[in-house]
Amino acid sequence: DLFVRDKLLFRDFLTYSIPVTLNELMWGAGVATNAIVIGHL
């Protein structure tokens, strides 16, 4: 199933996962940036 090919499901997965992953990354990068600011204190 790691190599499954389903164009519609793959497109749907990207449609909903990319914004959420970017959201989590932006939030996580924000927390990490907070850690960098705090780390230099």
PDB file of all heavy atoms in Angstrom:
ATOM      1  N   ASP A   1       0.820  -1.212   0.000  1.00  0.00           N
ATOM      2  CA  ASP A   1       0.000   0.000   0.000  1.00  0.00           C
ATOM      3  C   ASP A   1       0.858   1.268   0.000  1.00  0.00           C
ATOM      4  O   ASP A   1       0.357   2.356  -0.300  1.00  0.00           O
ATOM      5  CB  ASP A   1      -0.931   0.022   1.216  1.00  0.00           C
ATOM      6  CG  ASP A   1      -2.073  -0.981   1.094  1.00  0.00           C
ATOM      7  OD1 ASP A   1      -2.531  -1.202  -0.042  1.00  0.00           O
ATOM      8  OD2 ASP A   1      -2.486  -1.538   2.124  1.00  0.00           O
ATOM      9  N   LEU A   2       2.146   1.121   0.346  1.00  0.00           N
ATOM     10  CA  LEU A   2       3.063   2.269   0.280  1.00  0.00           C
ATOM     11  C   LEU A   2       3.204   2.769  -1.156  1.00  0.00           C
ATOM     12  O   LEU A   2       3.533   3.936  -1.385  1.00  0.00           O
ATOM     13  CB  LEU A   2       4.449   1.888   0.820  1.00  0.00           C
ATOM     14  CG  LEU A   2       4.565   1.673   2.327  1.00  0.00           C
ATOM     15  CD1 LEU A   2       5.914   1.042   2.659  1.00  0.00           C
ATOM     16  CD2 LEU A   2       4.408   2.994   3.058  1.00  0.00           C
ATOM     17  N   PHE A   3       2.972   1.888  -2.111  1.00  0.00           N
ATOM     18  CA  PHE A   3       3.177   2.232  -3.526  1.00  0.00           C
ATOM     19  C   PHE A   3       1.862   2.297  -4.294  1.00  0.00           C
ATOM     20  O   PHE A   3       1.844   2.246  -5.518  1.00  0.00           O
ATOM     21  CB  PHE A   3       4.109   1.191  -4.167  1.00  0.00           C
ATOM     22  CG  PHE A   3       5.368   0.961  -3.394  1.00  0.00           C
ATOM     23  CD1 PHE A   3       5.497  -0.157  -2.575  1.00  0.00           C
ATOM     24  CD2 PHE A   3       6.401   1.877  -3.436  1.00  0.00           C
ATOM     25  CE1 PHE A   3       6.648  -0.370  -1.828  1.00  0.00           C
ATOM     26  CE2 PHE A   3       7.568   1.681  -2.694  1.00  0.00           C
ATOM     27  CZ  PHE A   3       7.690   0.559  -1.886  1.00  0.00           C
ATOM     28  N   VAL A   4       0.753   2.416  -3.550  1.00  0.00           N
ATOM     29  CA  VAL A   4      -0.561   2.444  -4.176  1.00  0.00           C
ATOM     30  C   VAL A   4      -0.702   3.658  -5.097  1.00  0.00           C
ATOM     31  O   VAL A   4      -0.148   4.726  -4.820  1.00  0.00           O
ATOM     32  CB  VAL A   4      -1.674   2.453  -3.105  1.00  0.00           C
ATOM     33  CG1 VAL A   4      -1.727   3.787  -2.362  1.00  0.00           C
ATOM     34  CG2 VAL A   4      -3.029   2.128  -3.714  1.00  0.00           C
ATOM     35  N   ARG A   5      -1.423   3.483  -6.187  1.00  0.00           N
ATOM     36  CA  ARG A   5      -1.637   4.579  -7.137  1.00  0.00           C
ATOM     37  C   ARG A   5      -3.145   4.845  -7.244  1.00  0.00           C
ATOM     38  O   ARG A   5      -3.893   4.022  -7.768  1.00  0.00           O
ATOM     39  CB  ARG A   5      -1.072   4.227  -8.520  1.00  0.00           C
ATOM     40  CG  ARG A   5       0.448   4.150  -8.555  1.00  0.00           C
ATOM     41  CD  ARG A   5       1.072   5.526  -8.481  1.00  0.00           C
ATOM     42  NE  ARG A   5       2.529   5.488  -8.535  1.00  0.00           N
ATOM     43  CZ  ARG A   5       3.325   5.429  -7.486  1.00  0.00           C
ATOM     44  NH1 ARG A   5       2.796   5.375  -6.273  1.00  0.00           N
ATOM     45  NH2 ARG A   5       4.632   5.415  -7.624  1.00  0.00           N
ATOM     46  N   ASP A   6      -3.566   5.961  -6.700  1.00  0.00           N
ATOM     47  CA  ASP A   6      -4.967   6.383  -6.796  1.00  0.00           C
ATOM     48  C   ASP A   6      -4.937   7.904  -6.936  1.00  0.00           C
ATOM     49  O   ASP A   6      -4.775   8.632  -5.967  1.00  0.00           O
ATOM     50  CB  ASP A   6      -5.738   5.962  -5.537  1.00  0.00           C
ATOM     51  CG  ASP A   6      -7.244   6.218  -5.665  1.00  0.00           C
ATOM     52  OD1 ASP A   6      -7.608   7.322  -6.130  1.00  0.00           O
ATOM     53  OD2 ASP A   6      -8.041   5.336  -5.288  1.00  0.00           O
ATOM     54  N   LYS A   7      -5.074   8.371  -8.167  1.00  0.00           N
ATOM     55  CA  LYS A   7      -4.874   9.792  -8.449  1.00  0.00           C
ATOM     56  C   LYS A   7      -5.814  10.698  -7.670  1.00  0.00           C
ATOM     57  O   LYS A   7      -5.414  11.741  -7.155  1.00  0.00           O
ATOM     58  CB  LYS A   7      -5.027  10.055  -9.952  1.00  0.00           C
ATOM     59  CG  LYS A   7      -3.874   9.503 -10.787  1.00  0.00           C
ATOM     60  CD  LYS A   7      -4.037   9.855 -12.265  1.00  0.00           C
ATOM     61  CE  LYS A   7      -2.859   9.328 -13.074  1.00  0.00           C
ATOM     62  NZ  LYS A   7      -3.012   9.654 -14.521  1.00  0.00           N
ATOM     63  N   LEU A   8      -7.088  10.301  -7.576  1.00  0.00           N
ATOM     64  CA  LEU A   8      -8.061  11.150  -6.889  1.00  0.00           C
ATOM     65  C   LEU A   8      -7.768  11.225  -5.385  1.00  0.00           C
ATOM     66  O   LEU A   8      -7.767  12.309  -4.798  1.00  0.00           O
ATOM     67  CB  LEU A   8      -9.480  10.629  -7.120  1.00  0.00           C
ATOM     68  CG  LEU A   8     -10.044  10.817  -8.532  1.00  0.00           C
ATOM     69  CD1 LEU A   8     -11.434  10.205  -8.636  1.00  0.00           C
ATOM     70  CD2 LEU A   8     -10.095  12.308  -8.904  1.00  0.00           C
ATOM     71  N   LEU A   9      -7.509  10.060  -4.766  1.00  0.00           N
ATOM     72  CA  LEU A   9      -7.209  10.053  -3.335  1.00  0.00           C
ATOM     73  C   LEU A   9      -5.896  10.775  -3.046  1.00  0.00           C
ATOM     74  O   LEU A   9      -5.758  11.481  -2.048  1.00  0.00           O
ATOM     75  CB  LEU A   9      -7.135   8.620  -2.812  1.00  0.00           C
ATOM     76  CG  LEU A   9      -8.420   8.003  -2.260  1.00  0.00           C
ATOM     77  CD1 LEU A   9      -8.149   6.615  -1.711  1.00  0.00           C
ATOM     78  CD2 LEU A   9      -9.059   8.871  -1.191  1.00  0.00           C
ATOM     79  N   PHE A  10      -4.912  10.578  -3.925  1.00  0.00           N
ATOM     80  CA  PHE A  10      -3.621  11.241  -3.756  1.00  0.00           C
ATOM     81  C   PHE A  10      -3.797  12.757  -3.826  1.00  0.00           C
ATOM     82  O   PHE A  10      -3.222  13.496  -3.023  1.00  0.00           O
ATOM     83  CB  PHE A  10      -2.640  10.767  -4.836  1.00  0.00           C
ATOM     84  CG  PHE A  10      -1.245  11.304  -4.663  1.00  0.00           C
ATOM     85  CD1 PHE A  10      -0.406  10.799  -3.673  1.00  0.00           C
ATOM     86  CD2 PHE A  10      -0.771  12.328  -5.474  1.00  0.00           C
ATOM     87  CE1 PHE A  10       0.885  11.288  -3.512  1.00  0.00           C
ATOM     88  CE2 PHE A  10       0.506  12.827  -5.317  1.00  0.00           C
ATOM     89  CZ  PHE A  10       1.344  12.303  -4.330  1.00  0.00           C
ATOM     90  N   ARG A  11      -4.611  13.205  -4.767  1.00  0.00           N
ATOM     91  CA  ARG A  11      -4.864  14.643  -4.903  1.00  0.00           C
ATOM     92  C   ARG A  11      -5.612  15.182  -3.678  1.00  0.00           C
ATOM     93  O   ARG A  11      -5.293  16.251  -3.174  1.00  0.00           O
ATOM     94  CB  ARG A  11      -5.672  14.923  -6.184  1.00  0.00           C
ATOM     95  CG  ARG A  11      -5.817  16.409  -6.504  1.00  0.00           C
ATOM     96  CD  ARG A  11      -6.391  16.606  -7.886  1.00  0.00           C
ATOM     97  NE  ARG A  11      -7.785  16.153  -7.948  1.00  0.00           N
ATOM     98  CZ  ARG A  11      -8.478  16.046  -9.084  1.00  0.00           C
ATOM     99  NH1 ARG A  11      -7.903  16.326 -10.235  1.00  0.00           N
ATOM    100  NH2 ARG A  11      -9.744  15.647  -9.062  1.00  0.00           N
ATOM    101  N   ASP A  12      -6.582  14.405  -3.201  1.00  0.00           N
ATOM    102  CA  ASP A  12      -7.311  14.816  -2.005  1.00  0.00           C
ATOM    103  C   ASP A  12      -6.376  14.874  -0.793  1.00  0.00           C
ATOM    104  O   ASP A  12      -6.458  15.790   0.027  1.00  0.00           O
ATOM    105  CB  ASP A  12      -8.464  13.846  -1.711  1.00  0.00           C
ATOM    106  CG  ASP A  12      -9.628  14.015  -2.684  1.00  0.00           C
ATOM    107  OD1 ASP A  12      -9.662  15.058  -3.382  1.00  0.00           O
ATOM    108  OD2 ASP A  12     -10.483  13.126  -2.749  1.00  0.00           O
ATOM    109  N   PHE A  13      -5.512  13.867  -0.692  1.00  0.00           N
ATOM    110  CA  PHE A  13      -4.550  13.837   0.422  1.00  0.00           C
ATOM    111  C   PHE A  13      -3.675  15.086   0.406  1.00  0.00           C
ATOM    112  O   PHE A  13      -3.469  15.735   1.432  1.00  0.00           O
ATOM    113  CB  PHE A  13      -3.677  12.581   0.333  1.00  0.00           C
ATOM    114  CG  PHE A  13      -2.573  12.541   1.353  1.00  0.00           C
ATOM    115  CD1 PHE A  13      -2.838  12.130   2.650  1.00  0.00           C
ATOM    116  CD2 PHE A  13      -1.281  12.922   1.020  1.00  0.00           C
ATOM    117  CE1 PHE A  13      -1.825  12.099   3.605  1.00  0.00           C
ATOM    118  CE2 PHE A  13      -0.262  12.898   1.964  1.00  0.00           C
ATOM    119  CZ  PHE A  13      -0.536  12.482   3.260  1.00  0.00           C
ATOM    120  N   LEU A  14      -3.167  15.435  -0.763  1.00  0.00           N
ATOM    121  CA  LEU A  14      -2.336  16.636  -0.869  1.00  0.00           C
ATOM    122  C   LEU A  14      -3.142  17.897  -0.561  1.00  0.00           C
ATOM    123  O   LEU A  14      -2.657  18.807   0.114  1.00  0.00           O
ATOM    124  CB  LEU A  14      -1.722  16.739  -2.273  1.00  0.00           C
ATOM    125  CG  LEU A  14      -0.702  15.662  -2.660  1.00  0.00           C
ATOM    126  CD1 LEU A  14      -0.197  15.915  -4.081  1.00  0.00           C
ATOM    127  CD2 LEU A  14       0.467  15.633  -1.692  1.00  0.00           C
ATOM    128  N   THR A  15      -4.379  17.931  -1.047  1.00  0.00           N
ATOM    129  CA  THR A  15      -5.232  19.106  -0.831  1.00  0.00           C
ATOM    130  C   THR A  15      -5.423  19.399   0.648  1.00  0.00           C
ATOM    131  O   THR A  15      -5.373  20.560   1.074  1.00  0.00           O
ATOM    132  CB  THR A  15      -6.607  18.900  -1.496  1.00  0.00           C
ATOM    133  OG1 THR A  15      -6.421  18.743  -2.904  1.00  0.00           O
ATOM    134  CG2 THR A  15      -7.522  20.091  -1.235  1.00  0.00           C
ATOM    135  N   TYR A  16      -5.623  18.341   1.454  1.00  0.00           N
ATOM    136  CA  TYR A  16      -5.908  18.548   2.875  1.00  0.00           C
ATOM    137  C   TYR A  16      -4.678  18.410   3.770  1.00  0.00           C
ATOM    138  O   TYR A  16      -4.622  19.020   4.838  1.00  0.00           O
ATOM    139  CB  TYR A  16      -7.023  17.586   3.322  1.00  0.00           C
ATOM    140  CG  TYR A  16      -8.310  17.888   2.601  1.00  0.00           C
ATOM    141  CD1 TYR A  16      -8.753  17.073   1.561  1.00  0.00           C
ATOM    142  CD2 TYR A  16      -9.054  19.017   2.903  1.00  0.00           C
ATOM    143  CE1 TYR A  16      -9.917  17.372   0.857  1.00  0.00           C
ATOM    144  CE2 TYR A  16     -10.215  19.329   2.209  1.00  0.00           C
ATOM    145  CZ  TYR A  16     -10.639  18.502   1.197  1.00  0.00           C
ATOM    146  OH  TYR A  16     -11.775  18.823   0.501  1.00  0.00           O
ATOM    147  N   SER A  17      -3.697  17.622   3.326  1.00  0.00           N
ATOM    148  CA  SER A  17      -2.506  17.429   4.168  1.00  0.00           C
ATOM    149  C   SER A  17      -1.495  18.568   4.041  1.00  0.00           C
ATOM    150  O   SER A  17      -0.860  18.930   5.028  1.00  0.00           O
ATOM    151  CB  SER A  17      -1.815  16.104   3.831  1.00  0.00           C
ATOM    152  OG  SER A  17      -2.526  15.031   4.372  1.00  0.00           O
ATOM    153  N   ILE A  18      -1.341  19.110   2.842  1.00  0.00           N
ATOM    154  CA  ILE A  18      -0.325  20.159   2.668  1.00  0.00           C
ATOM    155  C   ILE A  18      -0.626  21.388   3.529  1.00  0.00           C
ATOM    156  O   ILE A  18       0.255  21.866   4.255  1.00  0.00           O
ATOM    157  CB  ILE A  18      -0.176  20.531   1.176  1.00  0.00           C
ATOM    158  CG1 ILE A  18       0.564  19.406   0.445  1.00  0.00           C
ATOM    159  CG2 ILE A  18       0.596  21.850   1.021  1.00  0.00           C
ATOM    160  CD1 ILE A  18       0.736  19.625  -1.032  1.00  0.00           C
ATOM    161  N   PRO A  19      -1.862  21.928   3.522  1.00  0.00           N
ATOM    162  CA  PRO A  19      -2.123  23.072   4.411  1.00  0.00           C
ATOM    163  C   PRO A  19      -1.916  22.745   5.889  1.00  0.00           C
ATOM    164  O   PRO A  19      -1.365  23.556   6.649  1.00  0.00           O
ATOM    165  CB  PRO A  19      -3.589  23.422   4.128  1.00  0.00           C
ATOM    166  CG  PRO A  19      -3.867  22.869   2.787  1.00  0.00           C
ATOM    167  CD  PRO A  19      -3.036  21.631   2.689  1.00  0.00           C
ATOM    168  N   VAL A  20      -2.346  21.533   6.308  1.00  0.00           N
ATOM    169  CA  VAL A  20      -2.193  21.161   7.717  1.00  0.00           C
ATOM    170  C   VAL A  20      -0.727  20.978   8.062  1.00  0.00           C
ATOM    171  O   VAL A  20      -0.257  21.416   9.118  1.00  0.00           O
ATOM    172  CB  VAL A  20      -2.983  19.867   8.038  1.00  0.00           C
ATOM    173  CG1 VAL A  20      -2.778  19.473   9.489  1.00  0.00           C
ATOM    174  CG2 VAL A  20      -4.456  20.068   7.768  1.00  0.00           C
ATOM    175  N   THR A  21       0.031  20.318   7.169  1.00  0.00           N
ATOM    176  CA  THR A  21       1.459  20.117   7.419  1.00  0.00           C
ATOM    177  C   THR A  21       2.182  21.454   7.458  1.00  0.00           C
ATOM    178  O   THR A  21       3.036  21.686   8.331  1.00  0.00           O
ATOM    179  CB  THR A  21       2.069  19.207   6.335  1.00  0.00           C
ATOM    180  OG1 THR A  21       1.347  17.977   6.287  1.00  0.00           O
ATOM    181  CG2 THR A  21       3.536  18.913   6.641  1.00  0.00           C
ATOM    182  N   LEU A  22       1.866  22.340   6.529  1.00  0.00           N
ATOM    183  CA  LEU A  22       2.458  23.681   6.558  1.00  0.00           C
ATOM    184  C   LEU A  22       2.073  24.418   7.830  1.00  0.00           C
ATOM    185  O   LEU A  22       2.886  25.108   8.443  1.00  0.00           O
ATOM    186  CB  LEU A  22       2.025  24.480   5.325  1.00  0.00           C
ATOM    187  CG  LEU A  22       2.652  24.066   3.991  1.00  0.00           C
ATOM    188  CD1 LEU A  22       2.021  24.869   2.851  1.00  0.00           C
ATOM    189  CD2 LEU A  22       4.160  24.285   4.006  1.00  0.00           C
ATOM    190  N   ASN A  23       0.800  24.246   8.230  1.00  0.00           N
ATOM    191  CA  ASN A  23       0.316  24.854   9.465  1.00  0.00           C
ATOM    192  C   ASN A  23       1.126  24.361  10.664  1.00  0.00           C
ATOM    193  O   ASN A  23       1.618  25.152  11.481  1.00  0.00           O
ATOM    194  CB  ASN A  23      -1.167  24.510   9.626  1.00  0.00           C
ATOM    195  CG  ASN A  23      -1.799  25.104  10.874  1.00  0.00           C
ATOM    196  OD1 ASN A  23      -2.931  24.769  11.219  1.00  0.00           O
ATOM    197  ND2 ASN A  23      -1.108  25.983  11.587  1.00  0.00           N
ATOM    198  N   GLU A  24       1.290  23.030  10.756  1.00  0.00           N
ATOM    199  CA  GLU A  24       2.060  22.456  11.862  1.00  0.00           C
ATOM    200  C   GLU A  24       3.516  22.888  11.801  1.00  0.00           C
ATOM    201  O   GLU A  24       4.144  23.156  12.832  1.00  0.00           O
ATOM    202  CB  GLU A  24       1.964  20.927  11.833  1.00  0.00           C
ATOM    203  CG  GLU A  24       0.578  20.376  12.117  1.00  0.00           C
ATOM    204  CD  GLU A  24       0.062  20.746  13.494  1.00  0.00           C
ATOM    205  OE1 GLU A  24       0.886  20.907  14.424  1.00  0.00           O
ATOM    206  OE2 GLU A  24      -1.168  20.884  13.657  1.00  0.00           O
ATOM    207  N   LEU A  25       4.061  22.969  10.583  1.00  0.00           N
ATOM    208  CA  LEU A  25       5.450  23.405  10.432  1.00  0.00           C
ATOM    209  C   LEU A  25       5.636  24.871  10.819  1.00  0.00           C
ATOM    210  O   LEU A  25       6.611  25.223  11.489  1.00  0.00           O
ATOM    211  CB  LEU A  25       5.911  23.201   8.982  1.00  0.00           C
ATOM    212  CG  LEU A  25       6.427  21.811   8.632  1.00  0.00           C
ATOM    213  CD1 LEU A  25       6.767  21.746   7.152  1.00  0.00           C
ATOM    214  CD2 LEU A  25       7.656  21.469   9.468  1.00  0.00           C
ATOM    215  N   MET A  26       4.702  25.702  10.402  1.00  0.00           N
ATOM    216  CA  MET A  26       4.799  27.118  10.759  1.00  0.00           C
ATOM    217  C   MET A  26       4.664  27.295  12.271  1.00  0.00           C
ATOM    218  O   MET A  26       5.380  28.089  12.880  1.00  0.00           O
ATOM    219  CB  MET A  26       3.704  27.924  10.042  1.00  0.00           C
ATOM    220  CG  MET A  26       3.882  28.013   8.541  1.00  0.00           C
ATOM    221  SD  MET A  26       5.437  28.778   8.041  1.00  0.00           S
ATOM    222  CE  MET A  26       5.171  30.473   8.532  1.00  0.00           C
ATOM    223  N   TRP A  27       3.743  26.525  12.857  1.00  0.00           N
ATOM    224  CA  TRP A  27       3.590  26.574  14.315  1.00  0.00           C
ATOM    225  C   TRP A  27       4.828  26.014  15.005  1.00  0.00           C
ATOM    226  O   TRP A  27       5.366  26.607  15.939  1.00  0.00           O
ATOM    227  CB  TRP A  27       2.342  25.784  14.728  1.00  0.00           C
ATOM    228  CG  TRP A  27       2.110  25.810  16.217  1.00  0.00           C
ATOM    229  CD1 TRP A  27       1.537  26.818  16.938  1.00  0.00           C
ATOM    230  CD2 TRP A  27       2.449  24.789  17.159  1.00  0.00           C
ATOM    231  NE1 TRP A  27       1.496  26.479  18.279  1.00  0.00           N
ATOM    232  CE2 TRP A  27       2.054  25.239  18.444  1.00  0.00           C
ATOM    233  CE3 TRP A  27       3.055  23.529  17.049  1.00  0.00           C
ATOM    234  CZ2 TRP A  27       2.230  24.480  19.595  1.00  0.00           C
ATOM    235  CZ3 TRP A  27       3.233  22.771  18.198  1.00  0.00           C
ATOM    236  CH2 TRP A  27       2.822  23.256  19.450  1.00  0.00           C
ATOM    237  N   GLY A  28       5.299  24.851  14.508  1.00  0.00           N
ATOM    238  CA  GLY A  28       6.475  24.227  15.095  1.00  0.00           C
ATOM    239  C   GLY A  28       7.720  25.069  14.919  1.00  0.00           C
ATOM    240  O   GLY A  28       8.544  25.199  15.841  1.00  0.00           O
ATOM    241  N   ALA A  29       7.874  25.648  13.718  1.00  0.00           N
ATOM    242  CA  ALA A  29       9.015  26.532  13.484  1.00  0.00           C
ATOM    243  C   ALA A  29       8.919  27.749  14.394  1.00  0.00           C
ATOM    244  O   ALA A  29       9.939  28.278  14.857  1.00  0.00           O
ATOM    245  CB  ALA A  29       9.050  26.964  12.020  1.00  0.00           C
ATOM    246  N   GLY A  30       7.680  28.179  14.656  1.00  0.00           N
ATOM    247  CA  GLY A  30       7.484  29.289  15.588  1.00  0.00           C
ATOM    248  C   GLY A  30       7.914  28.932  16.994  1.00  0.00           C
ATOM    249  O   GLY A  30       8.613  29.702  17.665  1.00  0.00           O
ATOM    250  N   VAL A  31       7.535  27.716  17.442  1.00  0.00           N
ATOM    251  CA  VAL A  31       7.957  27.253  18.766  1.00  0.00           C
ATOM    252  C   VAL A  31       9.480  27.102  18.814  1.00  0.00           C
ATOM    253  O   VAL A  31      10.128  27.465  19.802  1.00  0.00           O
ATOM    254  CB  VAL A  31       7.264  25.909  19.108  1.00  0.00           C
ATOM    255  CG1 VAL A  31       7.821  25.318  20.402  1.00  0.00           C
ATOM    256  CG2 VAL A  31       5.759  26.112  19.227  1.00  0.00           C
ATOM    257  N   ALA A  32      10.061  26.558  17.718  1.00  0.00           N
ATOM    258  CA  ALA A  32      11.513  26.411  17.658  1.00  0.00           C
ATOM    259  C   ALA A  32      12.203  27.780  17.650  1.00  0.00           C
ATOM    260  O   ALA A  32      13.272  27.956  18.259  1.00  0.00           O
ATOM    261  CB  ALA A  32      11.907  25.616  16.409  1.00  0.00           C
ATOM    262  N   THR A  33      11.592  28.752  16.962  1.00  0.00           N
ATOM    263  CA  THR A  33      12.148  30.109  16.953  1.00  0.00           C
ATOM    264  C   THR A  33      12.087  30.716  18.348  1.00  0.00           C
ATOM    265  O   THR A  33      13.025  31.400  18.791  1.00  0.00           O
ATOM    266  CB  THR A  33      11.388  31.001  15.948  1.00  0.00           C
ATOM    267  OG1 THR A  33      11.453  30.409  14.648  1.00  0.00           O
ATOM    268  CG2 THR A  33      12.003  32.396  15.889  1.00  0.00           C
ATOM    269  N   ASN A  34      10.986  30.457  19.041  1.00  0.00           N
ATOM    270  CA  ASN A  34      10.912  30.872  20.444  1.00  0.00           C
ATOM    271  C   ASN A  34      12.060  30.261  21.235  1.00  0.00           C
ATOM    272  O   ASN A  34      12.692  30.927  22.066  1.00  0.00           O
ATOM    273  CB  ASN A  34       9.582  30.426  21.068  1.00  0.00           C
ATOM    274  CG  ASN A  34       8.413  31.297  20.647  1.00  0.00           C
ATOM    275  OD1 ASN A  34       8.596  32.396  20.129  1.00  0.00           O
ATOM    276  ND2 ASN A  34       7.209  30.807  20.866  1.00  0.00           N
ATOM    277  N   ALA A  35      12.337  28.966  20.958  1.00  0.00           N
ATOM    278  CA  ALA A  35      13.428  28.276  21.651  1.00  0.00           C
ATOM    279  C   ALA A  35      14.779  28.909  21.312  1.00  0.00           C
ATOM    280  O   ALA A  35      15.670  29.012  22.166  1.00  0.00           O
ATOM    281  CB  ALA A  35      13.433  26.790  21.287  1.00  0.00           C
ATOM    282  N   ILE A  36      14.926  29.362  20.061  1.00  0.00           N
ATOM    283  CA  ILE A  36      16.175  30.019  19.650  1.00  0.00           C
ATOM    284  C   ILE A  36      16.334  31.353  20.379  1.00  0.00           C
ATOM    285  O   ILE A  36      17.408  31.672  20.892  1.00  0.00           O
ATOM    286  CB  ILE A  36      16.198  30.233  18.114  1.00  0.00           C
ATOM    287  CG1 ILE A  36      16.291  28.872  17.399  1.00  0.00           C
ATOM    288  CG2 ILE A  36      17.348  31.129  17.710  1.00  0.00           C
ATOM    289  CD1 ILE A  36      16.076  28.954  15.905  1.00  0.00           C
ATOM    290  N   VAL A  37      15.246  32.131  20.419  1.00  0.00           N
ATOM    291  CA  VAL A  37      15.282  33.412  21.141  1.00  0.00           C
ATOM    292  C   VAL A  37      15.622  33.169  22.610  1.00  0.00           C
ATOM    293  O   VAL A  37      16.515  33.803  23.176  1.00  0.00           O
ATOM    294  CB  VAL A  37      13.929  34.153  21.025  1.00  0.00           C
ATOM    295  CG1 VAL A  37      13.931  35.404  21.900  1.00  0.00           C
ATOM    296  CG2 VAL A  37      13.640  34.530  19.575  1.00  0.00           C
ATOM    297  N   ILE A  38      14.929  32.201  23.209  1.00  0.00           N
ATOM    298  CA  ILE A  38      15.164  31.881  24.615  1.00  0.00           C
ATOM    299  C   ILE A  38      16.571  31.329  24.815  1.00  0.00           C
ATOM    300  O   ILE A  38      17.241  31.640  25.808  1.00  0.00           O
ATOM    301  CB  ILE A  38      14.090  30.875  25.111  1.00  0.00           C
ATOM    302  CG1 ILE A  38      12.729  31.586  25.191  1.00  0.00           C
ATOM    303  CG2 ILE A  38      14.453  30.280  26.466  1.00  0.00           C
ATOM    304  CD1 ILE A  38      11.557  30.652  25.374  1.00  0.00           C
ATOM    305  N   GLY A  39      17.029  30.509  23.845  1.00  0.00           N
ATOM    306  CA  GLY A  39      18.368  29.923  23.931  1.00  0.00           C
ATOM    307  C   GLY A  39      19.467  30.959  23.981  1.00  0.00           C
ATOM    308  O   GLY A  39      20.510  30.753  24.600  1.00  0.00           O
ATOM    309  N   HIS A  40      19.247  32.090  23.334  1.00  0.00           N
ATOM    310  CA  HIS A  40      20.248  33.154  23.322  1.00  0.00           C
ATOM    311  C   HIS A  40      20.120  34.098  24.523  1.00  0.00           C
ATOM    312  O   HIS A  40      20.881  35.052  24.638  1.00  0.00           O
ATOM    313  CB  HIS A  40      20.168  33.942  22.011  1.00  0.00           C
ATOM    314  CG  HIS A  40      20.738  33.192  20.844  1.00  0.00           C
ATOM    315  ND1 HIS A  40      20.017  32.242  20.138  1.00  0.00           N
ATOM    316  CD2 HIS A  40      21.965  33.215  20.259  1.00  0.00           C
ATOM    317  CE1 HIS A  40      20.767  31.738  19.176  1.00  0.00           C
ATOM    318  NE2 HIS A  40      21.952  32.304  19.222  1.00  0.00           N
ATOM    319  N   LEU A  41      19.156  33.802  25.400  1.00  0.00           N
ATOM    320  CA  LEU A  41      19.031  34.582  26.633  1.00  0.00           C
ATOM    321  C   LEU A  41      19.803  33.939  27.780  1.00  0.00           C
ATOM    322  O   LEU A  41      19.886  34.508  28.862  1.00  0.00           O
ATOM    323  CB  LEU A  41      17.550  34.719  27.020  1.00  0.00           C
ATOM    324  CG  LEU A  41      16.660  35.500  26.050  1.00  0.00           C
ATOM    325  CD1 LEU A  41      15.214  35.460  26.521  1.00  0.00           C
ATOM    326  CD2 LEU A  41      17.136  36.933  25.890  1.00  0.00           C
TER     327      LEU A  41
END
